Amino acid sequence: MTDPIHVSALHRYPVKGLSPEPVERAELETSGFFPGDRLYAIENGPSGFNAIAYRHQPKTKYLMLMRDEALARLRTRFDDATATLTVEGFGEPQAFRLDTEAGRDGLADLMRRFVPESLRGEPKVLAAPPQNRFTDSATGYVSLINRASVTALEDYLGSPVDPLRFRGNLLVEGLAPFAELEMVGRVIEAPSGLRLKITKRTVRCAATNVDPVSGIRDCDIPWTLDARLGHRDLGVYAEVIAGGAIARGDALRPVG
């Protein structure tokens, strides 16, 4: 970690399984989640979700790219002020107020028509309770992707790989390929004083095989990583141990 590290992109995913949104800057709170990330999920049949006594559920309980690659063909954007999700890519653009029952029912109905073969029961749009999110990890995290690791993977596959396949919050440059995997336990700091402690490596699943634009499964990334490196890890999770801002272009430095 002697070379300069900087943030080249930031993304959030307001609805689990749907498209990413680039952001220029974000304010992260201590022990919090990435702002606006995984606020909603689309239940695929009864999941055991209970907003009062919330328990983390595996991603297989929801519509998600690992099984439902057609979701990648939808283009969505979320307006925080009105909690409105706009969806394009299936008929005329539609807008749904996800803070209302009617809006959530409308999005569920769209899914009923868009991916009927994926449904194991009635789809239902769920809102994450306060202090929780529909993340793959049972604990809060910010996900970090190393651009050099993606570049190495491109060399393994012999074809371009969009970093958005990995659905990370931070895309960083300046690290050696897969150097992020050796950073578990380390702390990095942004100019604002934001501190992130790297907590664990991210094991990759079949969702990464889906092209984020076409929705086509066009490669086998977990298998390729395993064959080349003996593991299926790319990227890491981090805990916010000191809140602050982070922006595209920010330098990150190791502090522990």
C-alpha atoms as a PDB file:
ATOM      1  CA  MET A   1       0.000   0.000   0.000  1.00  0.00           C
ATOM      2  CA  THR A   2       2.797   2.412  -0.847  1.00  0.00           C
ATOM      3  CA  ASP A   3       1.330   3.615  -4.146  1.00  0.00           C
ATOM      4  CA  PRO A   4      -1.326   6.366  -4.196  1.00  0.00           C
ATOM      5  CA  ILE A   5      -4.867   5.011  -4.062  1.00  0.00           C
ATOM      6  CA  HIS A   6      -7.814   7.027  -5.312  1.00  0.00           C
ATOM      7  CA  VAL A   7     -11.533   6.596  -5.790  1.00  0.00           C
ATOM      8  CA  SER A   8     -12.447   6.530  -9.486  1.00  0.00           C
ATOM      9  CA  ALA A   9     -16.193   5.878  -9.097  1.00  0.00           C
ATOM     10  CA  LEU A  10     -18.923   5.565  -6.487  1.00  0.00           C
ATOM     11  CA  HIS A  11     -22.223   3.728  -6.924  1.00  0.00           C
ATOM     12  CA  ARG A  12     -25.314   2.915  -4.939  1.00  0.00           C
ATOM     13  CA  TYR A  13     -28.053   0.345  -5.584  1.00  0.00           C
ATOM     14  CA  PRO A  14     -31.345   1.665  -4.152  1.00  0.00           C
ATOM     15  CA  VAL A  15     -33.273  -1.528  -5.023  1.00  0.00           C
ATOM     16  CA  LYS A  16     -31.526  -4.854  -4.560  1.00  0.00           C
ATOM     17  CA  GLY A  17     -30.959  -6.556  -7.910  1.00  0.00           C
ATOM     18  CA  LEU A  18     -31.730  -3.469 -10.011  1.00  0.00           C
ATOM     19  CA  SER A  19     -29.375  -1.086 -11.753  1.00  0.00           C
ATOM     20  CA  PRO A  20     -26.605   0.986 -10.154  1.00  0.00           C
ATOM     21  CA  GLU A  21     -26.600   4.756  -9.783  1.00  0.00           C
ATOM     22  CA  PRO A  22     -23.333   6.705  -9.972  1.00  0.00           C
ATOM     23  CA  VAL A  23     -22.811   9.357  -7.314  1.00  0.00           C
ATOM     24  CA  GLU A  24     -20.161  12.050  -7.086  1.00  0.00           C
ATOM     25  CA  ARG A  25     -20.035  12.301  -3.303  1.00  0.00           C
ATOM     26  CA  ALA A  26     -21.488  10.578  -0.271  1.00  0.00           C
ATOM     27  CA  GLU A  27     -21.633  11.209   3.479  1.00  0.00           C
ATOM     28  CA  LEU A  28     -21.043   8.011   5.431  1.00  0.00           C
ATOM     29  CA  GLU A  29     -21.937   7.598   9.091  1.00  0.00           C
ATOM     30  CA  THR A  30     -19.967   5.603  11.629  1.00  0.00           C
ATOM     31  CA  SER A  31     -21.117   1.955  11.550  1.00  0.00           C
ATOM     32  CA  GLY A  32     -23.530   2.886   8.768  1.00  0.00           C
ATOM     33  CA  PHE A  33     -24.285   1.715   5.263  1.00  0.00           C
ATOM     34  CA  PHE A  34     -23.449   3.416   1.985  1.00  0.00           C
ATOM     35  CA  PRO A  35     -26.121   6.138   1.626  1.00  0.00           C
ATOM     36  CA  GLY A  36     -29.130   5.132  -0.466  1.00  0.00           C
ATOM     37  CA  ASP A  37     -27.859   1.580  -0.896  1.00  0.00           C
ATOM     38  CA  ARG A  38     -30.138  -1.501  -0.878  1.00  0.00           C
ATOM     39  CA  LEU A  39     -33.053   0.421   0.632  1.00  0.00           C
ATOM     40  CA  TYR A  40     -35.581  -1.909  -0.984  1.00  0.00           C
ATOM     41  CA  ALA A  41     -35.770  -5.517  -2.110  1.00  0.00           C
ATOM     42  CA  ILE A  42     -38.324  -7.463  -4.127  1.00  0.00           C
ATOM     43  CA  GLU A  43     -39.439 -10.533  -2.218  1.00  0.00           C
ATOM     44  CA  ASN A  44     -39.720 -13.628  -4.395  1.00  0.00           C
ATOM     45  CA  GLY A  45     -42.446 -15.474  -2.549  1.00  0.00           C
ATOM     46  CA  PRO A  46     -42.640 -15.541   1.275  1.00  0.00           C
ATOM     47  CA  SER A  47     -39.218 -14.751   2.759  1.00  0.00           C
ATOM     48  CA  GLY A  48     -39.913 -14.537   6.462  1.00  0.00           C
ATOM     49  CA  PHE A  49     -39.385 -10.770   6.375  1.00  0.00           C
ATOM     50  CA  ASN A  50     -40.540  -9.027   9.540  1.00  0.00           C
ATOM     51  CA  ALA A  51     -39.991  -5.271   9.749  1.00  0.00           C
ATOM     52  CA  ILE A  52     -40.442  -5.256  13.529  1.00  0.00           C
ATOM     53  CA  ALA A  53     -38.227  -8.206  14.394  1.00  0.00           C
ATOM     54  CA  TYR A  54     -35.873  -7.976  11.409  1.00  0.00           C
ATOM     55  CA  ARG A  55     -33.495 -10.820  10.667  1.00  0.00           C
ATOM     56  CA  HIS A  56     -31.040 -10.836   7.791  1.00  0.00           C
ATOM     57  CA  GLN A  57     -32.194 -13.114   4.975  1.00  0.00           C
ATOM     58  CA  PRO A  58     -30.079 -14.665   2.201  1.00  0.00           C
ATOM     59  CA  LYS A  59     -30.268 -13.008  -1.194  1.00  0.00           C
ATOM     60  CA  THR A  60     -32.011 -16.080  -2.610  1.00  0.00           C
ATOM     61  CA  LYS A  61     -35.191 -14.853  -0.882  1.00  0.00           C
ATOM     62  CA  TYR A  62     -35.348 -11.909  -3.286  1.00  0.00           C
ATOM     63  CA  LEU A  63     -35.232 -11.240  -7.004  1.00  0.00           C
ATOM     64  CA  MET A  64     -31.520 -10.865  -7.812  1.00  0.00           C
ATOM     65  CA  LEU A  65     -29.049 -11.204 -10.660  1.00  0.00           C
ATOM     66  CA  MET A  66     -27.558 -14.530  -9.570  1.00  0.00           C
ATOM     67  CA  ARG A  67     -30.761 -16.219 -10.772  1.00  0.00           C
ATOM     68  CA  ASP A  68     -32.754 -13.491 -12.491  1.00  0.00           C
ATOM     69  CA  GLU A  69     -30.392 -12.040 -15.095  1.00  0.00           C
ATOM     70  CA  ALA A  70     -33.203 -10.310 -17.010  1.00  0.00           C
ATOM     71  CA  LEU A  71     -33.221  -7.657 -14.272  1.00  0.00           C
ATOM     72  CA  ALA A  72     -30.030  -6.231 -15.778  1.00  0.00           C
ATOM     73  CA  ARG A  73     -31.989  -5.066 -18.813  1.00  0.00           C
ATOM     74  CA  LEU A  74     -33.968  -2.596 -16.713  1.00  0.00           C
ATOM     75  CA  ARG A  75     -32.647   0.931 -16.167  1.00  0.00           C
ATOM     76  CA  THR A  76     -33.722   2.533 -12.920  1.00  0.00           C
ATOM     77  CA  ARG A  77     -33.109   5.766 -11.050  1.00  0.00           C
ATOM     78  CA  PHE A  78     -34.246   6.732  -7.591  1.00  0.00           C
ATOM     79  CA  ASP A  79     -35.201  10.187  -6.364  1.00  0.00           C
ATOM     80  CA  ASP A  80     -34.489  10.469  -2.651  1.00  0.00           C
ATOM     81  CA  ALA A  81     -36.707  13.485  -2.072  1.00  0.00           C
ATOM     82  CA  THR A  82     -39.854  11.729  -3.299  1.00  0.00           C
ATOM     83  CA  ALA A  83     -38.813   8.060  -2.864  1.00  0.00           C
ATOM     84  CA  THR A  84     -39.700   7.618  -6.536  1.00  0.00           C
ATOM     85  CA  LEU A  85     -38.164   4.864  -8.634  1.00  0.00           C
ATOM     86  CA  THR A  86     -38.302   5.361 -12.398  1.00  0.00           C
ATOM     87  CA  VAL A  87     -37.996   2.179 -14.458  1.00  0.00           C
ATOM     88  CA  GLU A  88     -37.123   2.005 -18.158  1.00  0.00           C
ATOM     89  CA  GLY A  89     -36.580  -0.995 -20.420  1.00  0.00           C
ATOM     90  CA  PHE A  90     -39.994  -2.668 -20.277  1.00  0.00           C
ATOM     91  CA  GLY A  91     -42.592  -0.757 -22.244  1.00  0.00           C
ATOM     92  CA  GLU A  92     -43.007   2.929 -21.503  1.00  0.00           C
ATOM     93  CA  PRO A  93     -41.029   4.398 -18.578  1.00  0.00           C
ATOM     94  CA  GLN A  94     -42.902   4.048 -15.319  1.00  0.00           C
ATOM     95  CA  ALA A  95     -42.504   5.763 -11.945  1.00  0.00           C
ATOM     96  CA  PHE A  96     -43.340   4.272  -8.557  1.00  0.00           C
ATOM     97  CA  ARG A  97     -43.492   6.004  -5.170  1.00  0.00           C
ATOM     98  CA  LEU A  98     -41.872   3.356  -3.007  1.00  0.00           C
ATOM     99  CA  ASP A  99     -42.931   5.085   0.207  1.00  0.00           C
ATOM    100  CA  THR A 100     -46.545   4.257  -0.655  1.00  0.00           C
ATOM    101  CA  GLU A 101     -48.332   0.922  -0.782  1.00  0.00           C
ATOM    102  CA  ALA A 102     -49.681   1.742  -4.245  1.00  0.00           C
ATOM    103  CA  GLY A 103     -46.217   2.463  -5.569  1.00  0.00           C
ATOM    104  CA  ARG A 104     -44.737  -0.719  -4.119  1.00  0.00           C
ATOM    105  CA  ASP A 105     -47.639  -2.741  -5.521  1.00  0.00           C
ATOM    106  CA  GLY A 106     -47.064  -1.133  -8.917  1.00  0.00           C
ATOM    107  CA  LEU A 107     -43.412  -2.191  -8.991  1.00  0.00           C
ATOM    108  CA  ALA A 108     -44.362  -5.689  -7.863  1.00  0.00           C
ATOM    109  CA  ASP A 109     -46.882  -5.898 -10.707  1.00  0.00           C
ATOM    110  CA  LEU A 110     -44.208  -4.843 -13.196  1.00  0.00           C
ATOM    111  CA  MET A 111     -42.007  -7.696 -11.949  1.00  0.00           C
ATOM    112  CA  ARG A 112     -44.936 -10.091 -12.197  1.00  0.00           C
ATOM    113  CA  ARG A 113     -45.117  -9.260 -15.903  1.00  0.00           C
ATOM    114  CA  PHE A 114     -41.386  -8.840 -16.597  1.00  0.00           C
ATOM    115  CA  VAL A 115     -39.948 -11.998 -15.007  1.00  0.00           C
ATOM    116  CA  PRO A 116     -42.921 -14.374 -14.530  1.00  0.00           C
ATOM    117  CA  GLU A 117     -40.717 -17.451 -14.982  1.00  0.00           C
ATOM    118  CA  SER A 118     -38.522 -16.367 -12.052  1.00  0.00           C
ATOM    119  CA  LEU A 119     -41.292 -16.097  -9.498  1.00  0.00           C
ATOM    120  CA  ARG A 120     -41.733 -18.680  -6.735  1.00  0.00           C
ATOM    121  CA  GLY A 121     -44.729 -16.834  -5.325  1.00  0.00           C
ATOM    122  CA  GLU A 122     -46.191 -13.357  -5.245  1.00  0.00           C
ATOM    123  CA  PRO A 123     -43.539 -10.636  -5.575  1.00  0.00           C
ATOM    124  CA  LYS A 124     -43.623  -7.958  -2.906  1.00  0.00           C
ATOM    125  CA  VAL A 125     -41.537  -4.804  -2.574  1.00  0.00           C
ATOM    126  CA  LEU A 126     -40.034  -4.536   0.899  1.00  0.00           C
ATOM    127  CA  ALA A 127     -38.569  -1.459   2.567  1.00  0.00           C
ATOM    128  CA  ALA A 128     -35.585  -1.984   4.844  1.00  0.00           C
ATOM    129  CA  PRO A 129     -36.288  -1.146   8.495  1.00  0.00           C
ATOM    130  CA  PRO A 130     -34.259   1.687  10.063  1.00  0.00           C
ATOM    131  CA  GLN A 131     -30.635   0.710  10.745  1.00  0.00           C
ATOM    132  CA  ASN A 132     -30.836  -2.197   8.283  1.00  0.00           C
ATOM    133  CA  ARG A 133     -30.355  -2.761   4.578  1.00  0.00           C
ATOM    134  CA  PHE A 134     -30.903  -5.605   2.111  1.00  0.00           C
ATOM    135  CA  THR A 135     -27.194  -6.289   1.725  1.00  0.00           C
ATOM    136  CA  ASP A 136     -25.671  -9.683   0.994  1.00  0.00           C
ATOM    137  CA  SER A 137     -23.639  -9.404   4.187  1.00  0.00           C
ATOM    138  CA  ALA A 138     -25.413  -9.760   7.529  1.00  0.00           C
ATOM    139  CA  THR A 139     -23.575  -6.718   8.877  1.00  0.00           C
ATOM    140  CA  GLY A 140     -23.310  -3.205   7.488  1.00  0.00           C
ATOM    141  CA  TYR A 141     -20.582  -2.656   4.954  1.00  0.00           C
ATOM    142  CA  VAL A 142     -19.224  -0.546   2.159  1.00  0.00           C
ATOM    143  CA  SER A 143     -18.041  -2.664  -0.759  1.00  0.00           C
ATOM    144  CA  LEU A 144     -14.773  -1.821  -2.488  1.00  0.00           C
ATOM    145  CA  ILE A 145     -13.606  -3.037  -5.903  1.00  0.00           C
ATOM    146  CA  ASN A 146      -9.991  -2.820  -7.088  1.00  0.00           C
ATOM    147  CA  ARG A 147      -9.832  -1.817 -10.752  1.00  0.00           C
ATOM    148  CA  ALA A 148      -6.494  -3.610 -11.206  1.00  0.00           C
ATOM    149  CA  SER A 149      -8.091  -6.886 -10.100  1.00  0.00           C
ATOM    150  CA  VAL A 150     -10.769  -6.434 -12.745  1.00  0.00           C
ATOM    151  CA  THR A 151      -8.067  -5.726 -15.341  1.00  0.00           C
ATOM    152  CA  ALA A 152      -6.263  -8.943 -14.365  1.00  0.00           C
ATOM    153  CA  LEU A 153      -9.534 -10.821 -14.734  1.00  0.00           C
ATOM    154  CA  GLU A 154      -9.934  -9.345 -18.219  1.00  0.00           C
ATOM    155  CA  ASP A 155      -6.556 -10.834 -19.099  1.00  0.00           C
ATOM    156  CA  TYR A 156      -7.647 -14.244 -17.763  1.00  0.00           C
ATOM    157  CA  LEU A 157     -10.873 -14.162 -19.782  1.00  0.00           C
ATOM    158  CA  GLY A 158      -9.466 -12.474 -22.881  1.00  0.00           C
ATOM    159  CA  SER A 159     -12.378 -10.028 -22.980  1.00  0.00           C
ATOM    160  CA  PRO A 160     -13.463  -6.758 -21.334  1.00  0.00           C
ATOM    161  CA  VAL A 161     -15.091  -6.904 -17.890  1.00  0.00           C
ATOM    162  CA  ASP A 162     -17.290  -4.066 -16.672  1.00  0.00           C
ATOM    163  CA  PRO A 163     -16.484  -3.357 -12.993  1.00  0.00           C
ATOM    164  CA  LEU A 164     -20.230  -2.899 -12.458  1.00  0.00           C
ATOM    165  CA  ARG A 165     -20.582  -6.682 -12.619  1.00  0.00           C
ATOM    166  CA  PHE A 166     -19.312  -6.646  -9.027  1.00  0.00           C
ATOM    167  CA  ARG A 167     -21.915  -4.139  -7.793  1.00  0.00           C
ATOM    168  CA  GLY A 168     -19.494  -2.315  -5.511  1.00  0.00           C
ATOM    169  CA  ASN A 169     -19.862   1.051  -3.821  1.00  0.00           C
ATOM    170  CA  LEU A 170     -16.265   2.223  -4.323  1.00  0.00           C
ATOM    171  CA  LEU A 171     -14.078   1.551  -7.339  1.00  0.00           C
ATOM    172  CA  VAL A 172     -10.444   2.302  -6.495  1.00  0.00           C
ATOM    173  CA  GLU A 173      -7.256   2.547  -8.521  1.00  0.00           C
ATOM    174  CA  GLY A 174      -3.618   2.480  -7.476  1.00  0.00           C
ATOM    175  CA  LEU A 175      -3.480  -0.981  -5.910  1.00  0.00           C
ATOM    176  CA  ALA A 176      -1.756  -3.990  -7.435  1.00  0.00           C
ATOM    177  CA  PRO A 177      -4.071  -6.723  -8.753  1.00  0.00           C
ATOM    178  CA  PHE A 178      -5.836  -8.486  -5.882  1.00  0.00           C
ATOM    179  CA  ALA A 179      -3.868  -6.482  -3.293  1.00  0.00           C
ATOM    180  CA  GLU A 180      -7.195  -5.592  -1.681  1.00  0.00           C
ATOM    181  CA  LEU A 181      -7.517  -9.202  -0.533  1.00  0.00           C
ATOM    182  CA  GLU A 182      -4.463  -8.776   1.691  1.00  0.00           C
ATOM    183  CA  MET A 183      -5.850  -5.623   3.310  1.00  0.00           C
ATOM    184  CA  VAL A 184      -8.257  -7.357   5.691  1.00  0.00           C
ATOM    185  CA  GLY A 185      -7.785  -5.741   9.087  1.00  0.00           C
ATOM    186  CA  ARG A 186      -6.244  -2.595   7.618  1.00  0.00           C
ATOM    187  CA  VAL A 187      -7.719   0.910   7.879  1.00  0.00           C
ATOM    188  CA  ILE A 188      -7.808   3.479   5.061  1.00  0.00           C
ATOM    189  CA  GLU A 189      -8.680   7.146   5.411  1.00  0.00           C
ATOM    190  CA  ALA A 190     -10.198   9.729   3.052  1.00  0.00           C
ATOM    191  CA  PRO A 191      -9.300  13.453   3.155  1.00  0.00           C
ATOM    192  CA  SER A 192     -12.474  14.197   5.144  1.00  0.00           C
ATOM    193  CA  GLY A 193     -11.348  11.957   7.991  1.00  0.00           C
ATOM    194  CA  LEU A 194     -13.632   9.111   6.924  1.00  0.00           C
ATOM    195  CA  ARG A 195     -12.060   5.834   7.979  1.00  0.00           C
ATOM    196  CA  LEU A 196     -12.872   2.426   6.547  1.00  0.00           C
ATOM    197  CA  LYS A 197     -11.697  -0.798   8.138  1.00  0.00           C
ATOM    198  CA  ILE A 198     -11.426  -3.663   5.670  1.00  0.00           C
ATOM    199  CA  THR A 199     -13.338  -6.527   7.265  1.00  0.00           C
ATOM    200  CA  LYS A 200     -13.501  -9.400   4.784  1.00  0.00           C
ATOM    201  CA  ARG A 201     -12.963 -10.553   1.237  1.00  0.00           C
ATOM    202  CA  THR A 202     -15.902 -10.784  -1.150  1.00  0.00           C
ATOM    203  CA  VAL A 203     -16.592 -14.250  -2.535  1.00  0.00           C
ATOM    204  CA  ARG A 204     -18.042 -13.968  -6.022  1.00  0.00           C
ATOM    205  CA  CYS A 205     -21.177 -15.755  -7.192  1.00  0.00           C
ATOM    206  CA  ALA A 206     -22.850 -16.332 -10.552  1.00  0.00           C
ATOM    207  CA  ALA A 207     -24.328 -12.811 -10.543  1.00  0.00           C
ATOM    208  CA  THR A 208     -20.971 -11.590 -11.886  1.00  0.00           C
ATOM    209  CA  ASN A 209     -21.473 -13.712 -15.014  1.00  0.00           C
ATOM    210  CA  VAL A 210     -24.303 -11.400 -16.109  1.00  0.00           C
ATOM    211  CA  ASP A 211     -23.404  -8.493 -18.369  1.00  0.00           C
ATOM    212  CA  PRO A 212     -24.817  -5.417 -16.606  1.00  0.00           C
ATOM    213  CA  VAL A 213     -26.083  -3.897 -19.865  1.00  0.00           C
ATOM    214  CA  SER A 214     -27.380  -6.806 -21.939  1.00  0.00           C
ATOM    215  CA  GLY A 215     -28.442  -9.113 -19.116  1.00  0.00           C
ATOM    216  CA  ILE A 216     -26.728 -12.014 -20.906  1.00  0.00           C
ATOM    217  CA  ARG A 217     -24.630 -14.599 -19.064  1.00  0.00           C
ATOM    218  CA  ASP A 218     -21.516 -14.430 -21.197  1.00  0.00           C
ATOM    219  CA  CYS A 219     -18.680 -15.756 -19.010  1.00  0.00           C
ATOM    220  CA  ASP A 220     -17.910 -17.684 -15.811  1.00  0.00           C
ATOM    221  CA  ILE A 221     -16.074 -15.365 -13.458  1.00  0.00           C
ATOM    222  CA  PRO A 222     -16.169 -17.443 -10.229  1.00  0.00           C
ATOM    223  CA  TRP A 223     -14.833 -20.496 -12.058  1.00  0.00           C
ATOM    224  CA  THR A 224     -12.114 -18.422 -13.768  1.00  0.00           C
ATOM    225  CA  LEU A 225     -10.950 -16.921 -10.477  1.00  0.00           C
ATOM    226  CA  ASP A 226     -10.889 -20.364  -8.887  1.00  0.00           C
ATOM    227  CA  ALA A 227      -8.967 -21.895 -11.769  1.00  0.00           C
ATOM    228  CA  ARG A 228      -6.370 -19.108 -11.835  1.00  0.00           C
ATOM    229  CA  LEU A 229      -6.052 -18.170  -8.169  1.00  0.00           C
ATOM    230  CA  GLY A 230      -7.509 -21.026  -6.148  1.00  0.00           C
ATOM    231  CA  HIS A 231     -10.300 -18.855  -4.703  1.00  0.00           C
ATOM    232  CA  ARG A 232     -13.323 -16.905  -5.896  1.00  0.00           C
ATOM    233  CA  ASP A 233     -12.573 -13.583  -4.193  1.00  0.00           C
ATOM    234  CA  LEU A 234     -12.492 -10.150  -5.802  1.00  0.00           C
ATOM    235  CA  GLY A 235     -13.078  -6.990  -3.785  1.00  0.00           C
ATOM    236  CA  VAL A 236     -13.592  -6.493  -0.069  1.00  0.00           C
ATOM    237  CA  TYR A 237     -16.125  -5.270   2.471  1.00  0.00           C
ATOM    238  CA  ALA A 238     -15.321  -2.409   4.829  1.00  0.00           C
ATOM    239  CA  GLU A 239     -16.835  -1.050   8.022  1.00  0.00           C
ATOM    240  CA  VAL A 240     -17.161   2.696   8.578  1.00  0.00           C
ATOM    241  CA  ILE A 241     -15.257   3.241  11.839  1.00  0.00           C
ATOM    242  CA  ALA A 242     -15.185   7.058  11.554  1.00  0.00           C
ATOM    243  CA  GLY A 243     -17.827   8.917   9.576  1.00  0.00           C
ATOM    244  CA  GLY A 244     -17.134  11.486   6.887  1.00  0.00           C
ATOM    245  CA  ALA A 245     -17.471  12.313   3.217  1.00  0.00           C
ATOM    246  CA  ILE A 246     -16.016  10.529   0.243  1.00  0.00           C
ATOM    247  CA  ALA A 247     -15.981  11.776  -3.339  1.00  0.00           C
ATOM    248  CA  ARG A 248     -14.861  10.655  -6.751  1.00  0.00           C
ATOM    249  CA  GLY A 249     -11.186  11.494  -7.120  1.00  0.00           C
ATOM    250  CA  ASP A 250     -10.431  11.351  -3.389  1.00  0.00           C
ATOM    251  CA  ALA A 251      -7.077   9.923  -2.356  1.00  0.00           C
ATOM    252  CA  LEU A 252      -7.113   7.152   0.225  1.00  0.00           C
ATOM    253  CA  ARG A 253      -4.207   6.515   2.567  1.00  0.00           C
ATOM    254  CA  PRO A 254      -3.467   3.657   4.968  1.00  0.00           C
ATOM    255  CA  VAL A 255      -3.531   4.654   8.630  1.00  0.00           C
ATOM    256  CA  GLY A 256      -3.404   1.278  10.312  1.00  0.00           C
END
